[in-house]
Structures are given as C-alpha cells and as structure tokens.
Amino acid sequence: MFDDEIIIALSKPVTIGKGEASISYHELKLREPTAGELEKATRADTSIGAAITLISLITAIPRTAVERISKRDLVAANNFLEGFTEPGQTAVEAGQS
C-alpha cells in the first residue's frame, strides 16, 4: 500500500518569467491521476513528453516549468505515478488501454 499523495522537493527550484513577474517552483505536489489526465498525457509523442504533461496536469504547474525539472526529480515523480498502474505498465501506458 502507498500514499495517495506525495510532495517531492525539487533538487533545484525552477523559475519561469523574469523580474517581478517570475514564478519559482520548489516542489511537486502529486496525487493519483484522473482518467482524463491520463488520456491527455497519452497524446504526447514520447514517453518523457507524456510524463511531463501528466506532471503538469496534476500539479497545475505550467508545462514549460516542468520541462526544466531535473532528471532525478522527473524520475521520482514518474515512479510515484507508476505506482497507480498495473505492475510492468507505466502510467502513460495505463491511459492507452
């Protein structure tokens, strides 16, 4: 059994925008994806693109910011999301069935 939600502290904060209009993100608040979020994520051309889209949808962080997170943080987020799928099936593949 695992938690339904997790907060992943980013190894390096991600900032988008400039000056006073800039926004920094320090963590990813993840939860179980909805069927609609999985469906939208499966439209991406690559599995990494699908993971970025899914993380963006769940966290409500702009995709451009999620694109800048480190590989380590991407892997941690994806590992959590894969916990909601059948063994051997990625979160993105689960939305394709």
C-alpha atoms as a PDB file:
ATOM      1  CA  MET A   1       0.000   0.000   0.000  1.00  0.00           C
ATOM      2  CA  PHE A   2       1.188   3.509  -0.698  1.00  0.00           C
ATOM      3  CA  ASP A   3       0.097   7.066  -0.088  1.00  0.00           C
ATOM      4  CA  ASP A   4      -2.352   8.689  -2.492  1.00  0.00           C
ATOM      5  CA  GLU A   5      -0.388  11.942  -2.433  1.00  0.00           C
ATOM      6  CA  ILE A   6       3.244  12.946  -2.187  1.00  0.00           C
ATOM      7  CA  ILE A   7       5.244  16.153  -2.194  1.00  0.00           C
ATOM      8  CA  ILE A   8       8.596  15.969  -3.937  1.00  0.00           C
ATOM      9  CA  ALA A   9      11.024  18.755  -3.086  1.00  0.00           C
ATOM     10  CA  LEU A  10      12.834  19.752  -6.283  1.00  0.00           C
ATOM     11  CA  SER A  11      16.596  19.307  -6.201  1.00  0.00           C
ATOM     12  CA  LYS A  12      16.848  22.747  -7.817  1.00  0.00           C
ATOM     13  CA  PRO A  13      13.997  25.276  -7.861  1.00  0.00           C
ATOM     14  CA  VAL A  14      12.629  26.094 -11.305  1.00  0.00           C
ATOM     15  CA  THR A  15      11.874  29.714 -12.202  1.00  0.00           C
ATOM     16  CA  ILE A  16       9.913  30.901 -15.202  1.00  0.00           C
ATOM     17  CA  GLY A  17       9.416  34.505 -16.226  1.00  0.00           C
ATOM     18  CA  LYS A  18      11.594  37.488 -15.406  1.00  0.00           C
ATOM     19  CA  GLY A  19      11.729  40.179 -12.785  1.00  0.00           C
ATOM     20  CA  GLU A  20       8.664  40.737 -10.629  1.00  0.00           C
ATOM     21  CA  ALA A  21       6.599  38.538 -12.952  1.00  0.00           C
ATOM     22  CA  SER A  22       8.809  35.491 -12.311  1.00  0.00           C
ATOM     23  CA  ILE A  23       7.422  32.464 -10.512  1.00  0.00           C
ATOM     24  CA  SER A  24       9.581  29.876  -8.761  1.00  0.00           C
ATOM     25  CA  TYR A  25       8.551  26.304  -8.075  1.00  0.00           C
ATOM     26  CA  HIS A  26      10.213  24.398  -5.235  1.00  0.00           C
ATOM     27  CA  GLU A  27       8.128  21.225  -5.089  1.00  0.00           C
ATOM     28  CA  LEU A  28       5.783  18.929  -6.951  1.00  0.00           C
ATOM     29  CA  LYS A  29       2.507  18.040  -5.201  1.00  0.00           C
ATOM     30  CA  LEU A  30       1.422  14.782  -6.810  1.00  0.00           C
ATOM     31  CA  ARG A  31      -1.700  12.668  -6.433  1.00  0.00           C
ATOM     32  CA  GLU A  32      -3.343   9.829  -8.295  1.00  0.00           C
ATOM     33  CA  PRO A  33      -4.018  10.914 -11.896  1.00  0.00           C
ATOM     34  CA  THR A  34      -7.558  11.023 -13.207  1.00  0.00           C
ATOM     35  CA  ALA A  35      -8.622   9.132 -16.314  1.00  0.00           C
ATOM     36  CA  GLY A  36      -8.869  12.423 -18.197  1.00  0.00           C
ATOM     37  CA  GLU A  37      -5.348  13.439 -17.215  1.00  0.00           C
ATOM     38  CA  LEU A  38      -4.006  10.079 -18.366  1.00  0.00           C
ATOM     39  CA  GLU A  39      -5.851  10.433 -21.662  1.00  0.00           C
ATOM     40  CA  LYS A  40      -4.416  13.910 -22.274  1.00  0.00           C
ATOM     41  CA  ALA A  41      -0.904  12.723 -21.399  1.00  0.00           C
ATOM     42  CA  THR A  42      -1.076   9.868 -23.913  1.00  0.00           C
ATOM     43  CA  ARG A  43      -1.374  12.400 -26.732  1.00  0.00           C
ATOM     44  CA  ALA A  44       2.327  13.278 -26.337  1.00  0.00           C
ATOM     45  CA  ASP A  45       4.756  11.981 -28.944  1.00  0.00           C
ATOM     46  CA  THR A  46       7.229  10.454 -26.451  1.00  0.00           C
ATOM     47  CA  SER A  47       7.027   8.761 -23.059  1.00  0.00           C
ATOM     48  CA  ILE A  48       9.014  11.604 -21.490  1.00  0.00           C
ATOM     49  CA  GLY A  49       6.669  14.124 -23.074  1.00  0.00           C
ATOM     50  CA  ALA A  50       3.723  12.190 -21.672  1.00  0.00           C
ATOM     51  CA  ALA A  51       5.304  12.190 -18.196  1.00  0.00           C
ATOM     52  CA  ILE A  52       5.932  15.956 -18.390  1.00  0.00           C
ATOM     53  CA  THR A  53       2.349  16.567 -19.493  1.00  0.00           C
ATOM     54  CA  LEU A  54       0.927  14.352 -16.753  1.00  0.00           C
ATOM     55  CA  ILE A  55       3.018  16.029 -14.048  1.00  0.00           C
ATOM     56  CA  SER A  56       1.965  19.449 -15.336  1.00  0.00           C
ATOM     57  CA  LEU A  57      -1.721  18.494 -15.317  1.00  0.00           C
ATOM     58  CA  ILE A  58      -1.619  17.039 -11.804  1.00  0.00           C
ATOM     59  CA  THR A  59       0.476  19.770 -10.188  1.00  0.00           C
ATOM     60  CA  ALA A  60      -1.076  22.706 -12.096  1.00  0.00           C
ATOM     61  CA  ILE A  61       2.471  23.864 -12.845  1.00  0.00           C
ATOM     62  CA  PRO A  62       2.982  25.173 -16.386  1.00  0.00           C
ATOM     63  CA  ARG A  63       4.461  22.590 -18.758  1.00  0.00           C
ATOM     64  CA  THR A  64       7.378  24.939 -19.509  1.00  0.00           C
ATOM     65  CA  ALA A  65       8.353  24.824 -15.825  1.00  0.00           C
ATOM     66  CA  VAL A  66       8.004  21.037 -15.600  1.00  0.00           C
ATOM     67  CA  GLU A  67      10.242  20.746 -18.674  1.00  0.00           C
ATOM     68  CA  ARG A  68      13.012  22.344 -16.604  1.00  0.00           C
ATOM     69  CA  ILE A  69      12.976  19.988 -13.622  1.00  0.00           C
ATOM     70  CA  SER A  70      15.980  17.721 -13.211  1.00  0.00           C
ATOM     71  CA  LYS A  71      16.012  14.149 -14.450  1.00  0.00           C
ATOM     72  CA  ARG A  72      16.253  12.970 -10.842  1.00  0.00           C
ATOM     73  CA  ASP A  73      13.030  14.828  -9.960  1.00  0.00           C
ATOM     74  CA  LEU A  74      11.312  13.607 -13.131  1.00  0.00           C
ATOM     75  CA  VAL A  75      12.203  10.008 -12.273  1.00  0.00           C
ATOM     76  CA  ALA A  76      10.959  10.394  -8.682  1.00  0.00           C
ATOM     77  CA  ALA A  77       7.653  11.852  -9.866  1.00  0.00           C
ATOM     78  CA  ASN A  78       7.222   9.218 -12.559  1.00  0.00           C
ATOM     79  CA  ASN A  79       7.998   6.406 -10.088  1.00  0.00           C
ATOM     80  CA  PHE A  80       5.246   7.668  -7.796  1.00  0.00           C
ATOM     81  CA  LEU A  81       2.748   7.949 -10.654  1.00  0.00           C
ATOM     82  CA  GLU A  82       3.594   4.470 -11.917  1.00  0.00           C
ATOM     83  CA  GLY A  83       2.501   3.128  -8.521  1.00  0.00           C
ATOM     84  CA  PHE A  84      -1.098   3.653  -9.618  1.00  0.00           C
ATOM     85  CA  THR A  85      -0.792   1.352 -12.634  1.00  0.00           C
ATOM     86  CA  GLU A  86      -0.574  -2.381 -13.031  1.00  0.00           C
ATOM     87  CA  PRO A  87       2.872  -3.945 -12.484  1.00  0.00           C
ATOM     88  CA  GLY A  88       5.053  -3.598 -15.566  1.00  0.00           C
ATOM     89  CA  GLN A  89       2.846  -0.858 -17.028  1.00  0.00           C
ATOM     90  CA  THR A  90       3.809   2.819 -16.985  1.00  0.00           C
ATOM     91  CA  ALA A  91       1.306   5.499 -16.015  1.00  0.00           C
ATOM     92  CA  VAL A  92       1.200   6.646 -19.611  1.00  0.00           C
ATOM     93  CA  GLU A  93       0.562   3.151 -20.969  1.00  0.00           C
ATOM     94  CA  ALA A  94      -2.278   2.704 -18.479  1.00  0.00           C
ATOM     95  CA  GLY A  95      -4.155   5.515 -20.169  1.00  0.00           C
ATOM     96  CA  GLN A  96      -3.884   3.806 -23.547  1.00  0.00           C
ATOM     97  CA  SER A  97      -5.805   0.674 -22.672  1.00  0.00           C
END
